Amino acid sequence: MLLLLKRVGSKLDITKLASEIGVSRETIYSYLSFLENTYFISLVSPFTRSIDREVSGTKKIYICDNGIAKHIGNCAEGSLLENSVFHNLRKYGKIRYYQKRSGAEIDFILIDKNIALEVKYKGDERDWLNLKKTAEKLAIKEYYVISKDFSSKKAFLPAQDI
């Protein structure tokens, strides 16, 4: 659990986790299943048009509580913000993330609403332009940058409003 707390909002590398603990990949999958079924963690699959890739893709991890993540896991403010936004978005439906090998990413895609959301501690115009470019390639028409810092621009959402 301590290793997972350091990875809030990150993609999980099952092989690396297994190596660090000294157990098999199957054991790690078993641990993750247990933690997910007890609601300690949530795993988010990648966004793809192929169900095979979605099932086999690397998942991102979120923790049940920011207090635990901060005090035990010593998570960075940006990770805590992303974790908090994830928990607030779950009520809106199925969530996926997107990341290309080239590095272009979208933190959250609300599948049922076709909305892309990028979380930035201090979002700026460049973040929105990158999100716009990536979202349009995926045929997502609505996209926003969620930022802790208030911005009056229409494509930015204050994190406290989520």
C-alpha atoms as a PDB file:
ATOM      1  CA  MET A   1       0.000   0.000   0.000  1.00  0.00           C
ATOM      2  CA  LEU A   2       2.870   2.371   0.743  1.00  0.00           C
ATOM      3  CA  LEU A   3       4.239   1.881  -2.761  1.00  0.00           C
ATOM      4  CA  LEU A   4       0.834   2.660  -4.251  1.00  0.00           C
ATOM      5  CA  LEU A   5       0.413   5.857  -2.229  1.00  0.00           C
ATOM      6  CA  LYS A   6       3.486   7.324  -3.939  1.00  0.00           C
ATOM      7  CA  ARG A   7       1.916   6.654  -7.342  1.00  0.00           C
ATOM      8  CA  VAL A   8      -1.377   8.575  -7.025  1.00  0.00           C
ATOM      9  CA  GLY A   9      -2.484   9.732 -10.483  1.00  0.00           C
ATOM     10  CA  SER A  10       0.242   7.715 -12.205  1.00  0.00           C
ATOM     11  CA  LYS A  11       0.198   4.702 -14.448  1.00  0.00           C
ATOM     12  CA  LEU A  12       0.981   1.471 -12.640  1.00  0.00           C
ATOM     13  CA  ASP A  13       3.945  -0.620 -13.726  1.00  0.00           C
ATOM     14  CA  ILE A  14       3.003  -4.069 -12.436  1.00  0.00           C
ATOM     15  CA  THR A  15       6.396  -5.584 -13.246  1.00  0.00           C
ATOM     16  CA  LYS A  16       8.220  -2.862 -11.297  1.00  0.00           C
ATOM     17  CA  LEU A  17       5.891  -3.251  -8.295  1.00  0.00           C
ATOM     18  CA  ALA A  18       6.380  -7.024  -8.318  1.00  0.00           C
ATOM     19  CA  SER A  19      10.147  -6.574  -8.472  1.00  0.00           C
ATOM     20  CA  GLU A  20      10.210  -4.025  -5.622  1.00  0.00           C
ATOM     21  CA  ILE A  21       8.197  -6.282  -3.329  1.00  0.00           C
ATOM     22  CA  GLY A  22       9.726  -9.549  -4.519  1.00  0.00           C
ATOM     23  CA  VAL A  23       6.471 -11.250  -5.523  1.00  0.00           C
ATOM     24  CA  SER A  24       4.931 -12.392  -8.809  1.00  0.00           C
ATOM     25  CA  ARG A  25       2.865 -10.196 -11.115  1.00  0.00           C
ATOM     26  CA  GLU A  26      -0.141 -12.402 -10.333  1.00  0.00           C
ATOM     27  CA  THR A  27       0.238 -11.593  -6.625  1.00  0.00           C
ATOM     28  CA  ILE A  28       0.306  -7.863  -7.419  1.00  0.00           C
ATOM     29  CA  TYR A  29      -2.882  -8.248  -9.478  1.00  0.00           C
ATOM     30  CA  SER A  30      -4.449 -10.072  -6.536  1.00  0.00           C
ATOM     31  CA  TYR A  31      -3.451  -7.277  -4.126  1.00  0.00           C
ATOM     32  CA  LEU A  32      -4.795  -4.616  -6.493  1.00  0.00           C
ATOM     33  CA  SER A  33      -8.069  -6.488  -6.879  1.00  0.00           C
ATOM     34  CA  PHE A  34      -8.446  -6.710  -3.098  1.00  0.00           C
ATOM     35  CA  LEU A  35      -7.657  -3.014  -2.592  1.00  0.00           C
ATOM     36  CA  GLU A  36     -10.036  -1.988  -5.365  1.00  0.00           C
ATOM     37  CA  ASN A  37     -12.853  -4.176  -4.001  1.00  0.00           C
ATOM     38  CA  THR A  38     -12.401  -2.630  -0.545  1.00  0.00           C
ATOM     39  CA  TYR A  39     -12.577   0.853  -2.133  1.00  0.00           C
ATOM     40  CA  PHE A  40      -9.078   1.781  -0.953  1.00  0.00           C
ATOM     41  CA  ILE A  41      -7.962   2.396  -4.544  1.00  0.00           C
ATOM     42  CA  SER A  42      -9.629   3.076  -7.879  1.00  0.00           C
ATOM     43  CA  LEU A  43      -8.053   2.054 -11.172  1.00  0.00           C
ATOM     44  CA  VAL A  44      -8.767   3.965 -14.376  1.00  0.00           C
ATOM     45  CA  SER A  45      -8.345   2.284 -17.749  1.00  0.00           C
ATOM     46  CA  PRO A  46      -6.991   4.011 -20.838  1.00  0.00           C
ATOM     47  CA  PHE A  47      -9.335   5.507 -23.432  1.00  0.00           C
ATOM     48  CA  THR A  48      -9.266   3.587 -26.662  1.00  0.00           C
ATOM     49  CA  ARG A  49     -11.672   2.543 -29.376  1.00  0.00           C
ATOM     50  CA  SER A  50     -10.452  -1.072 -29.003  1.00  0.00           C
ATOM     51  CA  ILE A  51     -11.833  -3.097 -26.091  1.00  0.00           C
ATOM     52  CA  ASP A  52      -8.748  -5.368 -26.237  1.00  0.00           C
ATOM     53  CA  ARG A  53      -6.415  -2.434 -25.643  1.00  0.00           C
ATOM     54  CA  GLU A  54      -8.639  -1.054 -22.894  1.00  0.00           C
ATOM     55  CA  VAL A  55      -8.545  -4.322 -20.951  1.00  0.00           C
ATOM     56  CA  SER A  56      -4.816  -4.881 -21.425  1.00  0.00           C
ATOM     57  CA  GLY A  57      -3.775  -1.226 -21.040  1.00  0.00           C
ATOM     58  CA  THR A  58      -1.848   0.200 -18.123  1.00  0.00           C
ATOM     59  CA  LYS A  59      -4.185   1.615 -15.514  1.00  0.00           C
ATOM     60  CA  LYS A  60      -3.830   4.816 -13.480  1.00  0.00           C
ATOM     61  CA  ILE A  61      -4.321   4.656  -9.728  1.00  0.00           C
ATOM     62  CA  TYR A  62      -6.250   6.900  -7.383  1.00  0.00           C
ATOM     63  CA  ILE A  63      -6.494   6.569  -3.584  1.00  0.00           C
ATOM     64  CA  CYS A  64      -9.699   6.731  -1.522  1.00  0.00           C
ATOM     65  CA  ASP A  65      -8.614   9.679   0.612  1.00  0.00           C
ATOM     66  CA  ASN A  66      -6.360  12.695   0.056  1.00  0.00           C
ATOM     67  CA  GLY A  67      -5.422  12.837   3.744  1.00  0.00           C
ATOM     68  CA  ILE A  68      -3.929   9.346   3.573  1.00  0.00           C
ATOM     69  CA  ALA A  69      -2.182  10.168   0.302  1.00  0.00           C
ATOM     70  CA  LYS A  70      -0.703  13.372   1.709  1.00  0.00           C
ATOM     71  CA  HIS A  71       0.360  12.295   5.174  1.00  0.00           C
ATOM     72  CA  ILE A  72       1.437   8.723   4.569  1.00  0.00           C
ATOM     73  CA  GLY A  73       2.350   8.873   0.873  1.00  0.00           C
ATOM     74  CA  ASN A  74       3.833  12.393   0.877  1.00  0.00           C
ATOM     75  CA  CYS A  75       2.147  13.049  -2.473  1.00  0.00           C
ATOM     76  CA  ALA A  76       2.797  16.251  -4.391  1.00  0.00           C
ATOM     77  CA  GLU A  77       0.100  18.944  -4.505  1.00  0.00           C
ATOM     78  CA  GLY A  78      -0.561  18.289  -8.204  1.00  0.00           C
ATOM     79  CA  SER A  79      -1.191  14.578  -7.560  1.00  0.00           C
ATOM     80  CA  LEU A  80      -3.502  15.400  -4.673  1.00  0.00           C
ATOM     81  CA  LEU A  81      -5.442  17.833  -6.856  1.00  0.00           C
ATOM     82  CA  GLU A  82      -5.815  15.207  -9.598  1.00  0.00           C
ATOM     83  CA  ASN A  83      -6.909  12.613  -7.015  1.00  0.00           C
ATOM     84  CA  SER A  84      -9.511  15.022  -5.613  1.00  0.00           C
ATOM     85  CA  VAL A  85     -10.849  15.888  -9.072  1.00  0.00           C
ATOM     86  CA  PHE A  86     -11.106  12.170  -9.901  1.00  0.00           C
ATOM     87  CA  HIS A  87     -13.293  11.544  -6.863  1.00  0.00           C
ATOM     88  CA  ASN A  88     -15.547  14.465  -7.751  1.00  0.00           C
ATOM     89  CA  LEU A  89     -15.891  13.350 -11.391  1.00  0.00           C
ATOM     90  CA  ARG A  90     -16.845   9.731 -10.617  1.00  0.00           C
ATOM     91  CA  LYS A  91     -20.458  10.717 -10.045  1.00  0.00           C
ATOM     92  CA  TYR A  92     -20.741  11.799 -13.699  1.00  0.00           C
ATOM     93  CA  GLY A  93     -20.128   8.350 -15.181  1.00  0.00           C
ATOM     94  CA  LYS A  94     -17.401   6.185 -16.600  1.00  0.00           C
ATOM     95  CA  ILE A  95     -13.934   7.779 -16.617  1.00  0.00           C
ATOM     96  CA  ARG A  96     -10.935   6.959 -18.794  1.00  0.00           C
ATOM     97  CA  TYR A  97      -7.574   8.628 -19.390  1.00  0.00           C
ATOM     98  CA  TYR A  98      -5.668   9.042 -22.646  1.00  0.00           C
ATOM     99  CA  GLN A  99      -1.960   9.068 -23.321  1.00  0.00           C
ATOM    100  CA  LYS A 100      -0.080   8.663 -26.576  1.00  0.00           C
ATOM    101  CA  ARG A 101       3.426   7.321 -26.704  1.00  0.00           C
ATOM    102  CA  SER A 102       4.496  10.754 -27.937  1.00  0.00           C
ATOM    103  CA  GLY A 103       3.455  12.181 -24.572  1.00  0.00           C
ATOM    104  CA  ALA A 104       0.149  13.892 -25.440  1.00  0.00           C
ATOM    105  CA  GLU A 105      -2.290  13.164 -22.621  1.00  0.00           C
ATOM    106  CA  ILE A 106      -5.706  13.842 -21.206  1.00  0.00           C
ATOM    107  CA  ASP A 107      -6.152  13.197 -17.489  1.00  0.00           C
ATOM    108  CA  PHE A 108      -9.854  12.370 -17.631  1.00  0.00           C
ATOM    109  CA  ILE A 109     -12.370  11.606 -20.339  1.00  0.00           C
ATOM    110  CA  LEU A 110     -15.992  11.328 -19.276  1.00  0.00           C
ATOM    111  CA  ILE A 111     -17.041   8.618 -21.715  1.00  0.00           C
ATOM    112  CA  ASP A 112     -20.825   9.063 -21.488  1.00  0.00           C
ATOM    113  CA  LYS A 113     -20.631  12.845 -21.885  1.00  0.00           C
ATOM    114  CA  ASN A 114     -17.719  12.962 -24.374  1.00  0.00           C
ATOM    115  CA  ILE A 115     -15.857  15.577 -22.301  1.00  0.00           C
ATOM    116  CA  ALA A 116     -12.076  15.797 -21.873  1.00  0.00           C
ATOM    117  CA  LEU A 117     -10.564  17.310 -18.731  1.00  0.00           C
ATOM    118  CA  GLU A 118      -6.935  18.122 -18.001  1.00  0.00           C
ATOM    119  CA  VAL A 119      -5.942  18.871 -14.400  1.00  0.00           C
ATOM    120  CA  LYS A 120      -3.180  21.402 -13.817  1.00  0.00           C
ATOM    121  CA  TYR A 121      -2.163  22.982 -10.550  1.00  0.00           C
ATOM    122  CA  LYS A 122      -1.448  26.200 -12.470  1.00  0.00           C
ATOM    123  CA  GLY A 123      -3.083  25.886 -15.873  1.00  0.00           C
ATOM    124  CA  ASP A 124      -2.273  28.259 -18.705  1.00  0.00           C
ATOM    125  CA  GLU A 125      -3.169  28.895 -22.346  1.00  0.00           C
ATOM    126  CA  ARG A 126      -0.565  26.389 -23.581  1.00  0.00           C
ATOM    127  CA  ASP A 127      -2.186  23.610 -21.519  1.00  0.00           C
ATOM    128  CA  TRP A 128      -5.548  24.402 -23.081  1.00  0.00           C
ATOM    129  CA  LEU A 129      -4.114  24.434 -26.619  1.00  0.00           C
ATOM    130  CA  ASN A 130      -2.466  21.028 -26.065  1.00  0.00           C
ATOM    131  CA  LEU A 131      -5.723  19.648 -24.678  1.00  0.00           C
ATOM    132  CA  LYS A 132      -7.685  21.089 -27.602  1.00  0.00           C
ATOM    133  CA  LYS A 133      -5.361  19.506 -30.145  1.00  0.00           C
ATOM    134  CA  THR A 134      -5.463  16.073 -28.501  1.00  0.00           C
ATOM    135  CA  ALA A 135      -9.221  16.141 -27.836  1.00  0.00           C
ATOM    136  CA  GLU A 136     -10.036  17.127 -31.405  1.00  0.00           C
ATOM    137  CA  LYS A 137      -7.961  14.220 -32.735  1.00  0.00           C
ATOM    138  CA  LEU A 138     -10.146  11.945 -30.597  1.00  0.00           C
ATOM    139  CA  ALA A 139     -13.353  13.628 -31.849  1.00  0.00           C
ATOM    140  CA  ILE A 140     -14.097  15.049 -28.400  1.00  0.00           C
ATOM    141  CA  LYS A 141     -15.924  18.318 -28.828  1.00  0.00           C
ATOM    142  CA  GLU A 142     -15.944  19.599 -25.244  1.00  0.00           C
ATOM    143  CA  TYR A 143     -12.738  20.038 -23.237  1.00  0.00           C
ATOM    144  CA  TYR A 144     -11.610  22.017 -20.206  1.00  0.00           C
ATOM    145  CA  VAL A 145      -8.534  22.628 -18.094  1.00  0.00           C
ATOM    146  CA  ILE A 146      -9.232  22.284 -14.383  1.00  0.00           C
ATOM    147  CA  SER A 147      -6.902  24.495 -12.400  1.00  0.00           C
ATOM    148  CA  LYS A 148      -6.442  25.300  -8.737  1.00  0.00           C
ATOM    149  CA  ASP A 149      -5.630  28.879  -9.711  1.00  0.00           C
ATOM    150  CA  PHE A 150      -8.674  30.847 -10.806  1.00  0.00           C
ATOM    151  CA  SER A 151      -8.859  31.825 -14.454  1.00  0.00           C
ATOM    152  CA  SER A 152     -11.726  33.742 -16.025  1.00  0.00           C
ATOM    153  CA  LYS A 153     -11.112  32.208 -19.450  1.00  0.00           C
ATOM    154  CA  LYS A 154     -14.067  30.171 -20.664  1.00  0.00           C
ATOM    155  CA  ALA A 155     -12.120  26.917 -21.204  1.00  0.00           C
ATOM    156  CA  PHE A 156     -10.862  26.840 -17.603  1.00  0.00           C
ATOM    157  CA  LEU A 157     -12.741  25.471 -14.619  1.00  0.00           C
ATOM    158  CA  PRO A 158     -11.752  26.308 -11.060  1.00  0.00           C
ATOM    159  CA  ALA A 159     -11.009  23.074  -9.192  1.00  0.00           C
ATOM    160  CA  GLN A 160     -13.290  24.044  -6.314  1.00  0.00           C
ATOM    161  CA  ASP A 161     -16.271  24.061  -8.728  1.00  0.00           C
ATOM    162  CA  ILE A 162     -15.901  20.402  -9.697  1.00  0.00           C
END
